[in-house]
Amino acid sequence: MKKNLLSFAILILAVAIIVVNLWKPYSVEGNKDLAKEKEEVTNSKSIPGSDLSQFQEGNPAPNFELTTLEGEIVRLSDYKGKKVMLNFWATWCPPCKAEMPHMQNFYENNKDKGIEILAVNLTQIDNGKEAIKTFVKAYGLTFPIPLDENAAIGTQYQAFTIPTTYIIDSNGIISKKIVGPMDEDMMVNLTRDIQ
């Protein structure tokens, strides 16, 4: 009986080894296809409905027009000739909250040196204009706060994780894209070496 049970166990193990070895090449081939497909998507210059290549470093930053919290019209093109930190944020975002005092200090120290901050609030995913006003007052923010009320500009600029910031040189060219919060030293370093 023990001999039959041992023979049966060995037979099951042999079958399992054969199945795994036969299955493995198909699995590897499937992974190669998946890797190739992933590479094609990553290397693609566009996704249907969106041209991702225009937001790469070295390309002109696409113009937009938004209204600020105070009701003023802001166009990115109005800032040509200045360096611009184009920041996307929301009031409920902890990294955005951590970044804002650094942005305000940086702005105060650099606004007379040809550097501007446009802190685009992703209003459609935020808690309303009153929450934004309260936030701006609490943090003492003095730079322009354009409102992206229909999420068009945040989506266009791929601000899927916030904060997201684009450093744009004085010719309107994207110099750098930063995903995540920055401190004042980082802001100084990112804007120092561009035109």
N, C-alpha and C. Protein backbone atom coordinates (compact mmCIF):
# COMPACT_ATOMS: atom_id res chain seq x y z
N MET A 1 0.82 -1.19 0.00
CA MET A 1 0.00 0.00 0.00
C MET A 1 0.86 1.26 0.00
N LYS A 2 1.90 1.28 0.87
CA LYS A 2 2.79 2.44 0.93
C LYS A 2 3.53 2.60 -0.39
N LYS A 3 3.86 1.45 -1.04
CA LYS A 3 4.54 1.49 -2.31
C LYS A 3 3.64 2.13 -3.38
N ASN A 4 2.38 1.79 -3.39
CA ASN A 4 1.43 2.35 -4.35
C ASN A 4 1.23 3.84 -4.11
N LEU A 5 1.15 4.24 -2.86
CA LEU A 5 0.96 5.64 -2.52
C LEU A 5 2.19 6.46 -2.93
N LEU A 6 3.38 5.93 -2.68
CA LEU A 6 4.62 6.60 -3.07
C LEU A 6 4.72 6.69 -4.59
N SER A 7 4.37 5.65 -5.29
CA SER A 7 4.39 5.65 -6.75
C SER A 7 3.40 6.68 -7.29
N PHE A 8 2.24 6.76 -6.68
CA PHE A 8 1.22 7.73 -7.09
C PHE A 8 1.72 9.16 -6.85
N ALA A 9 2.36 9.42 -5.73
CA ALA A 9 2.89 10.75 -5.41
C ALA A 9 3.98 11.14 -6.41
N ILE A 10 4.83 10.19 -6.75
CA ILE A 10 5.90 10.47 -7.71
C ILE A 10 5.30 10.76 -9.09
N LEU A 11 4.27 10.01 -9.46
CA LEU A 11 3.60 10.22 -10.73
C LEU A 11 2.97 11.62 -10.78
N ILE A 12 2.31 12.04 -9.71
CA ILE A 12 1.68 13.37 -9.63
C ILE A 12 2.75 14.45 -9.74
N LEU A 13 3.87 14.29 -9.05
CA LEU A 13 4.96 15.25 -9.09
C LEU A 13 5.53 15.36 -10.50
N ALA A 14 5.71 14.21 -11.17
CA ALA A 14 6.23 14.20 -12.54
C ALA A 14 5.28 14.93 -13.49
N VAL A 15 3.99 14.69 -13.34
CA VAL A 15 2.99 15.36 -14.18
C VAL A 15 3.02 16.87 -13.92
N ALA A 16 3.14 17.25 -12.66
CA ALA A 16 3.19 18.67 -12.32
C ALA A 16 4.41 19.34 -12.94
N ILE A 17 5.55 18.69 -12.89
CA ILE A 17 6.77 19.24 -13.49
C ILE A 17 6.60 19.41 -14.99
N ILE A 18 6.01 18.42 -15.63
CA ILE A 18 5.78 18.49 -17.08
C ILE A 18 4.83 19.64 -17.41
N VAL A 19 3.76 19.78 -16.66
CA VAL A 19 2.78 20.84 -16.91
C VAL A 19 3.43 22.21 -16.74
N VAL A 20 4.21 22.38 -15.68
CA VAL A 20 4.87 23.67 -15.44
C VAL A 20 5.84 23.98 -16.57
N ASN A 21 6.62 22.99 -17.00
CA ASN A 21 7.57 23.23 -18.08
C ASN A 21 6.90 23.50 -19.42
N LEU A 22 5.78 22.87 -19.66
CA LEU A 22 5.06 23.15 -20.89
C LEU A 22 4.36 24.50 -20.83
N TRP A 23 3.87 24.86 -19.67
CA TRP A 23 3.13 26.11 -19.49
C TRP A 23 4.06 27.32 -19.47
N LYS A 24 5.26 27.17 -18.92
CA LYS A 24 6.19 28.27 -18.74
C LYS A 24 6.53 28.98 -20.05
N PRO A 25 6.84 28.28 -21.16
CA PRO A 25 7.14 29.02 -22.40
C PRO A 25 5.99 29.91 -22.85
N TYR A 26 4.74 29.43 -22.68
CA TYR A 26 3.60 30.27 -23.06
C TYR A 26 3.50 31.47 -22.15
N SER A 27 3.78 31.27 -20.88
CA SER A 27 3.74 32.37 -19.92
C SER A 27 4.80 33.40 -20.25
N VAL A 28 6.03 32.96 -20.57
CA VAL A 28 7.11 33.87 -20.93
C VAL A 28 6.75 34.62 -22.20
N GLU A 29 6.21 33.90 -23.20
CA GLU A 29 5.79 34.56 -24.44
C GLU A 29 4.72 35.61 -24.15
N GLY A 30 3.78 35.25 -23.28
CA GLY A 30 2.72 36.19 -22.92
C GLY A 30 3.31 37.43 -22.25
N ASN A 31 4.30 37.23 -21.38
CA ASN A 31 4.94 38.36 -20.72
C ASN A 31 5.72 39.22 -21.71
N LYS A 32 6.34 38.57 -22.72
CA LYS A 32 7.05 39.34 -23.74
C LYS A 32 6.07 40.22 -24.51
N ASP A 33 4.91 39.66 -24.84
CA ASP A 33 3.90 40.43 -25.55
C ASP A 33 3.42 41.59 -24.68
N LEU A 34 3.21 41.32 -23.40
CA LEU A 34 2.75 42.36 -22.48
C LEU A 34 3.81 43.45 -22.34
N ALA A 35 5.08 43.05 -22.22
CA ALA A 35 6.17 44.01 -22.10
C ALA A 35 6.28 44.86 -23.37
N LYS A 36 6.12 44.21 -24.54
CA LYS A 36 6.18 44.93 -25.80
C LYS A 36 5.04 45.94 -25.90
N GLU A 37 3.84 45.53 -25.49
CA GLU A 37 2.68 46.41 -25.52
C GLU A 37 2.89 47.60 -24.58
N LYS A 38 3.43 47.33 -23.38
CA LYS A 38 3.69 48.40 -22.41
C LYS A 38 4.71 49.38 -22.97
N GLU A 39 5.76 48.86 -23.62
CA GLU A 39 6.80 49.71 -24.21
C GLU A 39 6.20 50.59 -25.29
N GLU A 40 5.30 50.02 -26.11
CA GLU A 40 4.68 50.80 -27.17
C GLU A 40 3.85 51.95 -26.60
N VAL A 41 3.12 51.70 -25.51
CA VAL A 41 2.32 52.75 -24.89
C VAL A 41 3.24 53.81 -24.28
N THR A 42 4.30 53.38 -23.60
CA THR A 42 5.23 54.31 -22.96
C THR A 42 5.93 55.17 -24.00
N ASN A 43 6.32 54.58 -25.12
CA ASN A 43 7.04 55.33 -26.14
C ASN A 43 6.12 56.10 -27.07
N SER A 44 4.83 55.90 -26.93
CA SER A 44 3.87 56.57 -27.79
C SER A 44 3.88 58.07 -27.52
N LYS A 45 3.74 58.84 -28.56
CA LYS A 45 3.72 60.29 -28.42
C LYS A 45 2.33 60.81 -28.10
N SER A 46 1.33 59.95 -28.16
CA SER A 46 -0.01 60.44 -27.86
C SER A 46 -0.91 59.31 -27.40
N ILE A 47 -1.93 59.74 -26.72
CA ILE A 47 -3.01 58.87 -26.31
C ILE A 47 -4.23 59.45 -26.99
N PRO A 48 -5.17 58.64 -27.46
CA PRO A 48 -6.32 59.21 -28.15
C PRO A 48 -6.92 60.39 -27.39
N GLY A 49 -7.01 61.53 -28.07
CA GLY A 49 -7.60 62.71 -27.46
C GLY A 49 -6.59 63.59 -26.75
N SER A 50 -5.32 63.19 -26.67
CA SER A 50 -4.33 63.98 -25.96
C SER A 50 -2.95 63.79 -26.57
N ASP A 51 -2.29 64.88 -26.91
CA ASP A 51 -0.94 64.83 -27.45
C ASP A 51 0.03 65.05 -26.30
N LEU A 52 0.58 63.96 -25.76
CA LEU A 52 1.47 64.05 -24.60
C LEU A 52 2.81 64.67 -24.95
N SER A 53 3.20 64.60 -26.20
CA SER A 53 4.52 65.10 -26.59
C SER A 53 4.64 66.61 -26.40
N GLN A 54 3.55 67.34 -26.45
CA GLN A 54 3.66 68.79 -26.32
C GLN A 54 3.98 69.22 -24.89
N PHE A 55 3.94 68.32 -23.92
CA PHE A 55 4.23 68.68 -22.54
C PHE A 55 5.59 68.17 -22.08
N GLN A 56 6.44 67.82 -23.03
CA GLN A 56 7.78 67.36 -22.71
C GLN A 56 8.70 68.56 -22.56
N GLU A 57 9.76 68.36 -21.77
CA GLU A 57 10.76 69.41 -21.60
C GLU A 57 11.32 69.79 -22.96
N GLY A 58 11.49 71.08 -23.17
CA GLY A 58 12.02 71.59 -24.43
C GLY A 58 10.95 72.05 -25.40
N ASN A 59 9.69 71.77 -25.10
CA ASN A 59 8.59 72.19 -25.96
C ASN A 59 7.91 73.44 -25.39
N PRO A 60 7.28 74.23 -26.25
CA PRO A 60 6.53 75.39 -25.76
C PRO A 60 5.36 74.95 -24.88
N ALA A 61 5.16 75.66 -23.78
CA ALA A 61 4.02 75.38 -22.91
C ALA A 61 2.75 75.88 -23.59
N PRO A 62 1.75 75.02 -23.76
CA PRO A 62 0.51 75.46 -24.41
C PRO A 62 -0.17 76.58 -23.62
N ASN A 63 -0.66 77.54 -24.35
CA ASN A 63 -1.33 78.67 -23.73
C ASN A 63 -2.69 78.24 -23.18
N PHE A 64 -3.18 78.99 -22.20
CA PHE A 64 -4.52 78.78 -21.66
C PHE A 64 -5.03 80.10 -21.12
N GLU A 65 -6.31 80.14 -20.87
CA GLU A 65 -6.94 81.31 -20.27
C GLU A 65 -7.85 80.84 -19.14
N LEU A 66 -7.63 81.39 -17.94
CA LEU A 66 -8.46 81.07 -16.79
C LEU A 66 -8.79 82.35 -16.03
N THR A 67 -9.76 82.26 -15.15
CA THR A 67 -10.14 83.39 -14.31
C THR A 67 -9.62 83.14 -12.90
N THR A 68 -9.08 84.19 -12.28
CA THR A 68 -8.54 84.07 -10.93
C THR A 68 -9.68 84.13 -9.91
N LEU A 69 -9.31 83.89 -8.68
CA LEU A 69 -10.25 83.97 -7.56
C LEU A 69 -10.87 85.37 -7.47
N GLU A 70 -10.11 86.39 -7.90
CA GLU A 70 -10.58 87.78 -7.87
C GLU A 70 -11.36 88.17 -9.12
N GLY A 71 -11.49 87.24 -10.08
CA GLY A 71 -12.24 87.51 -11.30
C GLY A 71 -11.42 88.05 -12.45
N GLU A 72 -10.11 88.10 -12.31
CA GLU A 72 -9.25 88.59 -13.39
C GLU A 72 -8.94 87.46 -14.37
N ILE A 73 -8.83 87.81 -15.65
CA ILE A 73 -8.46 86.84 -16.69
C ILE A 73 -6.94 86.69 -16.70
N VAL A 74 -6.48 85.44 -16.71
CA VAL A 74 -5.05 85.14 -16.76
C VAL A 74 -4.80 84.26 -17.97
N ARG A 75 -3.83 84.67 -18.79
CA ARG A 75 -3.36 83.86 -19.91
C ARG A 75 -1.89 83.56 -19.68
N LEU A 76 -1.48 82.33 -19.92
CA LEU A 76 -0.07 81.99 -19.77
C LEU A 76 0.79 82.86 -20.68
N SER A 77 0.28 83.15 -21.87
CA SER A 77 1.03 83.95 -22.84
C SER A 77 1.33 85.36 -22.33
N ASP A 78 0.54 85.86 -21.37
CA ASP A 78 0.78 87.19 -20.80
C ASP A 78 2.09 87.24 -20.02
N TYR A 79 2.64 86.07 -19.66
CA TYR A 79 3.84 86.01 -18.84
C TYR A 79 5.10 85.74 -19.66
N LYS A 80 4.98 85.76 -20.98
CA LYS A 80 6.17 85.56 -21.82
C LYS A 80 7.16 86.67 -21.51
N GLY A 81 8.41 86.29 -21.39
CA GLY A 81 9.45 87.24 -20.98
C GLY A 81 9.81 87.07 -19.52
N LYS A 82 9.00 86.27 -18.79
CA LYS A 82 9.29 85.96 -17.38
C LYS A 82 9.38 84.45 -17.21
N LYS A 83 10.11 84.04 -16.20
CA LYS A 83 10.11 82.64 -15.81
C LYS A 83 8.82 82.40 -15.03
N VAL A 84 8.21 81.22 -15.26
CA VAL A 84 6.93 80.93 -14.62
C VAL A 84 6.98 79.56 -13.94
N MET A 85 6.52 79.54 -12.71
CA MET A 85 6.25 78.27 -12.03
C MET A 85 4.75 78.05 -12.13
N LEU A 86 4.35 77.10 -12.96
CA LEU A 86 2.94 76.78 -13.18
C LEU A 86 2.61 75.58 -12.30
N ASN A 87 1.88 75.85 -11.22
CA ASN A 87 1.62 74.84 -10.19
C ASN A 87 0.15 74.45 -10.21
N PHE A 88 -0.13 73.15 -10.06
CA PHE A 88 -1.51 72.64 -9.98
C PHE A 88 -1.70 72.06 -8.59
N TRP A 89 -2.80 72.45 -7.91
CA TRP A 89 -2.99 72.08 -6.51
C TRP A 89 -4.47 72.08 -6.13
N ALA A 90 -4.74 71.62 -4.90
CA ALA A 90 -6.09 71.67 -4.31
C ALA A 90 -5.94 71.87 -2.79
N THR A 91 -6.96 72.43 -2.16
CA THR A 91 -6.89 72.76 -0.74
C THR A 91 -6.81 71.55 0.17
N TRP A 92 -7.36 70.41 -0.25
CA TRP A 92 -7.40 69.21 0.59
C TRP A 92 -6.12 68.37 0.49
N CYS A 93 -5.20 68.76 -0.36
CA CYS A 93 -4.00 67.97 -0.66
C CYS A 93 -2.88 68.28 0.35
N PRO A 94 -2.51 67.31 1.23
CA PRO A 94 -1.47 67.57 2.23
C PRO A 94 -0.12 68.02 1.64
N PRO A 95 0.39 67.40 0.55
CA PRO A 95 1.65 67.90 0.00
C PRO A 95 1.52 69.34 -0.54
N CYS A 96 0.34 69.68 -1.05
CA CYS A 96 0.12 71.05 -1.53
C CYS A 96 0.19 72.02 -0.35
N LYS A 97 -0.42 71.63 0.76
CA LYS A 97 -0.38 72.46 1.97
C LYS A 97 1.05 72.66 2.44
N ALA A 98 1.84 71.62 2.38
CA ALA A 98 3.24 71.71 2.82
C ALA A 98 4.06 72.61 1.89
N GLU A 99 3.72 72.61 0.62
CA GLU A 99 4.47 73.36 -0.38
C GLU A 99 4.14 74.85 -0.38
N MET A 100 2.92 75.22 -0.05
CA MET A 100 2.47 76.61 -0.20
C MET A 100 3.30 77.65 0.56
N PRO A 101 3.68 77.42 1.81
CA PRO A 101 4.52 78.43 2.48
C PRO A 101 5.86 78.64 1.75
N HIS A 102 6.42 77.57 1.20
CA HIS A 102 7.67 77.69 0.43
C HIS A 102 7.44 78.50 -0.84
N MET A 103 6.30 78.25 -1.49
CA MET A 103 5.98 78.99 -2.71
C MET A 103 5.80 80.48 -2.41
N GLN A 104 5.12 80.78 -1.31
CA GLN A 104 4.89 82.19 -0.95
C GLN A 104 6.21 82.88 -0.65
N ASN A 105 7.08 82.25 0.13
CA ASN A 105 8.39 82.84 0.42
C ASN A 105 9.20 83.04 -0.85
N PHE A 106 9.19 82.03 -1.71
CA PHE A 106 9.91 82.12 -2.98
C PHE A 106 9.37 83.27 -3.81
N TYR A 107 8.06 83.39 -3.87
CA TYR A 107 7.42 84.46 -4.64
C TYR A 107 7.82 85.84 -4.12
N GLU A 108 7.75 86.01 -2.81
CA GLU A 108 8.11 87.30 -2.21
C GLU A 108 9.56 87.67 -2.50
N ASN A 109 10.44 86.68 -2.52
CA ASN A 109 11.86 86.94 -2.75
C ASN A 109 12.23 87.08 -4.22
N ASN A 110 11.34 86.67 -5.13
CA ASN A 110 11.71 86.62 -6.55
C ASN A 110 10.77 87.34 -7.51
N LYS A 111 9.66 87.86 -7.03
CA LYS A 111 8.69 88.47 -7.95
C LYS A 111 9.26 89.68 -8.69
N ASP A 112 10.23 90.34 -8.09
CA ASP A 112 10.86 91.50 -8.75
C ASP A 112 12.06 91.09 -9.59
N LYS A 113 12.30 89.78 -9.70
CA LYS A 113 13.44 89.28 -10.47
C LYS A 113 12.99 88.56 -11.75
N GLY A 114 11.77 88.83 -12.18
CA GLY A 114 11.29 88.24 -13.43
C GLY A 114 10.80 86.81 -13.29
N ILE A 115 10.37 86.43 -12.09
CA ILE A 115 9.83 85.08 -11.87
C ILE A 115 8.41 85.21 -11.33
N GLU A 116 7.49 84.50 -11.95
CA GLU A 116 6.08 84.52 -11.53
C GLU A 116 5.62 83.13 -11.12
N ILE A 117 4.62 83.10 -10.29
CA ILE A 117 3.96 81.85 -9.91
C ILE A 117 2.50 81.94 -10.34
N LEU A 118 2.04 80.92 -11.04
CA LEU A 118 0.62 80.75 -11.33
C LEU A 118 0.22 79.45 -10.65
N ALA A 119 -0.54 79.56 -9.58
CA ALA A 119 -0.96 78.38 -8.82
C ALA A 119 -2.39 78.03 -9.21
N VAL A 120 -2.52 77.18 -10.21
CA VAL A 120 -3.83 76.82 -10.76
C VAL A 120 -4.53 75.86 -9.80
N ASN A 121 -5.65 76.32 -9.26
CA ASN A 121 -6.44 75.47 -8.38
C ASN A 121 -7.32 74.56 -9.23
N LEU A 122 -7.27 73.27 -8.93
CA LEU A 122 -8.11 72.29 -9.64
C LEU A 122 -9.50 72.32 -9.00
N THR A 123 -10.22 73.37 -9.31
CA THR A 123 -11.48 73.73 -8.65
C THR A 123 -12.54 72.64 -8.74
N GLN A 124 -12.59 71.94 -9.86
CA GLN A 124 -13.61 70.92 -10.04
C GLN A 124 -13.47 69.79 -9.02
N ILE A 125 -12.24 69.52 -8.57
CA ILE A 125 -12.04 68.45 -7.59
C ILE A 125 -11.79 69.00 -6.18
N ASP A 126 -11.94 70.31 -6.03
CA ASP A 126 -11.71 70.93 -4.72
C ASP A 126 -13.04 71.12 -3.99
N ASN A 127 -13.00 71.82 -2.87
CA ASN A 127 -14.16 71.95 -1.98
C ASN A 127 -14.95 73.24 -2.16
N GLY A 128 -14.84 73.88 -3.31
CA GLY A 128 -15.60 75.09 -3.57
C GLY A 128 -14.78 76.36 -3.39
N LYS A 129 -15.28 77.46 -3.93
CA LYS A 129 -14.55 78.72 -3.92
C LYS A 129 -14.33 79.27 -2.52
N GLU A 130 -15.30 79.08 -1.63
CA GLU A 130 -15.13 79.58 -0.26
C GLU A 130 -13.97 78.88 0.44
N ALA A 131 -13.84 77.58 0.23
CA ALA A 131 -12.71 76.84 0.83
C ALA A 131 -11.39 77.34 0.26
N ILE A 132 -11.38 77.67 -1.02
CA ILE A 132 -10.16 78.18 -1.66
C ILE A 132 -9.82 79.55 -1.08
N LYS A 133 -10.82 80.42 -0.95
CA LYS A 133 -10.60 81.75 -0.37
C LYS A 133 -10.06 81.64 1.05
N THR A 134 -10.64 80.75 1.83
CA THR A 134 -10.19 80.54 3.22
C THR A 134 -8.74 80.06 3.24
N PHE A 135 -8.41 79.14 2.36
CA PHE A 135 -7.05 78.60 2.25
C PHE A 135 -6.07 79.71 1.89
N VAL A 136 -6.39 80.50 0.87
CA VAL A 136 -5.52 81.57 0.40
C VAL A 136 -5.27 82.57 1.52
N LYS A 137 -6.32 82.91 2.25
CA LYS A 137 -6.18 83.86 3.36
C LYS A 137 -5.33 83.26 4.49
N ALA A 138 -5.60 82.00 4.86
CA ALA A 138 -4.87 81.34 5.94
C ALA A 138 -3.37 81.24 5.65
N TYR A 139 -3.02 81.01 4.38
CA TYR A 139 -1.61 80.85 4.00
C TYR A 139 -0.98 82.17 3.53
N GLY A 140 -1.78 83.23 3.48
CA GLY A 140 -1.27 84.54 3.07
C GLY A 140 -0.71 84.56 1.66
N LEU A 141 -1.38 83.88 0.74
CA LEU A 141 -0.89 83.76 -0.63
C LEU A 141 -1.17 85.04 -1.41
N THR A 142 -0.15 85.55 -2.09
CA THR A 142 -0.30 86.80 -2.84
C THR A 142 -0.07 86.62 -4.34
N PHE A 143 0.30 85.42 -4.78
CA PHE A 143 0.48 85.18 -6.21
C PHE A 143 -0.87 84.82 -6.83
N PRO A 144 -1.01 84.91 -8.16
CA PRO A 144 -2.29 84.64 -8.81
C PRO A 144 -2.75 83.18 -8.62
N ILE A 145 -4.05 83.03 -8.36
CA ILE A 145 -4.67 81.71 -8.19
C ILE A 145 -5.75 81.55 -9.27
N PRO A 146 -5.36 81.12 -10.48
CA PRO A 146 -6.37 80.86 -11.51
C PRO A 146 -7.19 79.61 -11.14
N LEU A 147 -8.45 79.62 -11.49
CA LEU A 147 -9.36 78.52 -11.16
C LEU A 147 -9.64 77.66 -12.40
N ASP A 148 -9.30 76.40 -12.31
CA ASP A 148 -9.59 75.45 -13.39
C ASP A 148 -10.92 74.77 -13.04
N GLU A 149 -12.00 75.48 -13.34
CA GLU A 149 -13.32 75.05 -12.89
C GLU A 149 -13.88 73.85 -13.64
N ASN A 150 -13.42 73.61 -14.86
CA ASN A 150 -13.95 72.45 -15.59
C ASN A 150 -12.89 71.38 -15.82
N ALA A 151 -11.74 71.49 -15.15
CA ALA A 151 -10.66 70.50 -15.18
C ALA A 151 -9.97 70.37 -16.53
N ALA A 152 -10.20 71.31 -17.43
CA ALA A 152 -9.61 71.22 -18.76
C ALA A 152 -8.10 71.43 -18.74
N ILE A 153 -7.63 72.43 -18.01
CA ILE A 153 -6.21 72.77 -18.04
C ILE A 153 -5.41 71.76 -17.22
N GLY A 154 -5.90 71.37 -16.06
CA GLY A 154 -5.22 70.34 -15.26
C GLY A 154 -5.08 69.03 -16.02
N THR A 155 -6.13 68.67 -16.74
CA THR A 155 -6.08 67.45 -17.56
C THR A 155 -5.11 67.63 -18.71
N GLN A 156 -5.20 68.77 -19.38
CA GLN A 156 -4.30 69.04 -20.51
C GLN A 156 -2.84 68.98 -20.07
N TYR A 157 -2.55 69.55 -18.90
CA TYR A 157 -1.18 69.58 -18.38
C TYR A 157 -0.82 68.33 -17.57
N GLN A 158 -1.67 67.32 -17.62
CA GLN A 158 -1.40 66.02 -16.99
C GLN A 158 -1.13 66.14 -15.49
N ALA A 159 -1.90 66.96 -14.80
CA ALA A 159 -1.76 67.12 -13.36
C ALA A 159 -2.62 66.06 -12.68
N PHE A 160 -2.25 64.80 -12.87
CA PHE A 160 -3.01 63.69 -12.33
C PHE A 160 -2.63 63.40 -10.88
N THR A 161 -1.41 63.78 -10.52
CA THR A 161 -0.95 63.71 -9.14
C THR A 161 -0.64 65.15 -8.75
N ILE A 162 -1.09 65.56 -7.57
CA ILE A 162 -0.83 66.94 -7.16
C ILE A 162 -0.04 66.97 -5.87
N PRO A 163 0.78 68.01 -5.71
CA PRO A 163 1.00 69.08 -6.67
C PRO A 163 1.85 68.62 -7.86
N THR A 164 1.58 69.23 -9.00
CA THR A 164 2.41 69.09 -10.20
C THR A 164 2.80 70.50 -10.61
N THR A 165 4.07 70.70 -10.92
CA THR A 165 4.57 72.02 -11.29
C THR A 165 5.39 71.94 -12.57
N TYR A 166 5.16 72.89 -13.44
CA TYR A 166 5.97 73.06 -14.64
C TYR A 166 6.81 74.32 -14.46
N ILE A 167 8.11 74.19 -14.72
CA ILE A 167 8.98 75.36 -14.74
C ILE A 167 9.10 75.77 -16.20
N ILE A 168 8.70 76.99 -16.49
CA ILE A 168 8.66 77.49 -17.86
C ILE A 168 9.62 78.67 -17.98
N ASP A 169 10.48 78.63 -18.99
CA ASP A 169 11.46 79.71 -19.12
C ASP A 169 10.84 80.96 -19.72
N SER A 170 11.63 82.02 -19.82
CA SER A 170 11.11 83.31 -20.28
C SER A 170 10.68 83.31 -21.75
N ASN A 171 11.05 82.27 -22.49
CA ASN A 171 10.60 82.13 -23.87
C ASN A 171 9.34 81.27 -23.98
N GLY A 172 8.80 80.83 -22.84
CA GLY A 172 7.59 80.00 -22.85
C GLY A 172 7.86 78.53 -23.08
N ILE A 173 9.11 78.10 -22.88
CA ILE A 173 9.51 76.71 -23.10
C ILE A 173 9.51 75.95 -21.78
N ILE A 174 8.96 74.74 -21.78
CA ILE A 174 8.95 73.90 -20.58
C ILE A 174 10.39 73.47 -20.27
N SER A 175 10.84 73.85 -19.10
CA SER A 175 12.19 73.50 -18.67
C SER A 175 12.19 72.23 -17.83
N LYS A 176 11.15 72.07 -17.00
CA LYS A 176 11.10 70.93 -16.08
C LYS A 176 9.66 70.70 -15.63
N LYS A 177 9.34 69.42 -15.39
CA LYS A 177 8.06 69.06 -14.79
C LYS A 177 8.39 68.35 -13.47
N ILE A 178 7.78 68.81 -12.40
CA ILE A 178 8.00 68.23 -11.08
C ILE A 178 6.66 67.72 -10.56
N VAL A 179 6.63 66.44 -10.19
CA VAL A 179 5.44 65.86 -9.58
C VAL A 179 5.75 65.67 -8.10
N GLY A 180 4.97 66.32 -7.25
CA GLY A 180 5.21 66.27 -5.82
C GLY A 180 5.60 67.64 -5.30
N PRO A 181 5.66 67.76 -3.98
CA PRO A 181 5.94 69.07 -3.38
C PRO A 181 7.40 69.49 -3.52
N MET A 182 7.60 70.80 -3.54
CA MET A 182 8.94 71.37 -3.59
C MET A 182 9.14 72.25 -2.37
N ASP A 183 10.41 72.46 -2.01
CA ASP A 183 10.71 73.45 -0.99
C ASP A 183 11.36 74.65 -1.66
N GLU A 184 11.62 75.69 -0.90
CA GLU A 184 12.13 76.92 -1.48
C GLU A 184 13.49 76.73 -2.15
N ASP A 185 14.37 75.95 -1.55
CA ASP A 185 15.69 75.70 -2.15
C ASP A 185 15.55 75.04 -3.52
N MET A 186 14.64 74.09 -3.62
CA MET A 186 14.42 73.40 -4.89
C MET A 186 13.91 74.39 -5.94
N MET A 187 13.01 75.28 -5.54
CA MET A 187 12.48 76.28 -6.46
C MET A 187 13.58 77.20 -6.96
N VAL A 188 14.46 77.61 -6.05
CA VAL A 188 15.59 78.46 -6.43
C VAL A 188 16.48 77.74 -7.43
N ASN A 189 16.81 76.49 -7.14
CA ASN A 189 17.69 75.72 -8.03
C ASN A 189 17.07 75.48 -9.40
N LEU A 190 15.76 75.24 -9.44
CA LEU A 190 15.09 74.95 -10.71
C LEU A 190 14.96 76.19 -11.60
N THR A 191 14.90 77.35 -10.99
CA THR A 191 14.72 78.58 -11.79
C THR A 191 16.03 79.33 -12.03
N ARG A 192 17.08 78.97 -11.33
CA ARG A 192 18.36 79.69 -11.42
C ARG A 192 18.99 79.59 -12.80
N ASP A 193 19.02 78.40 -13.36
CA ASP A 193 19.81 78.15 -14.57
C ASP A 193 19.02 78.23 -15.87
N ILE A 194 17.79 78.71 -15.81
CA ILE A 194 17.03 78.85 -17.06
C ILE A 194 16.96 80.32 -17.45
N GLN A 195 16.67 80.54 -18.72
CA GLN A 195 16.58 81.94 -19.22
C GLN A 195 15.44 82.67 -18.58
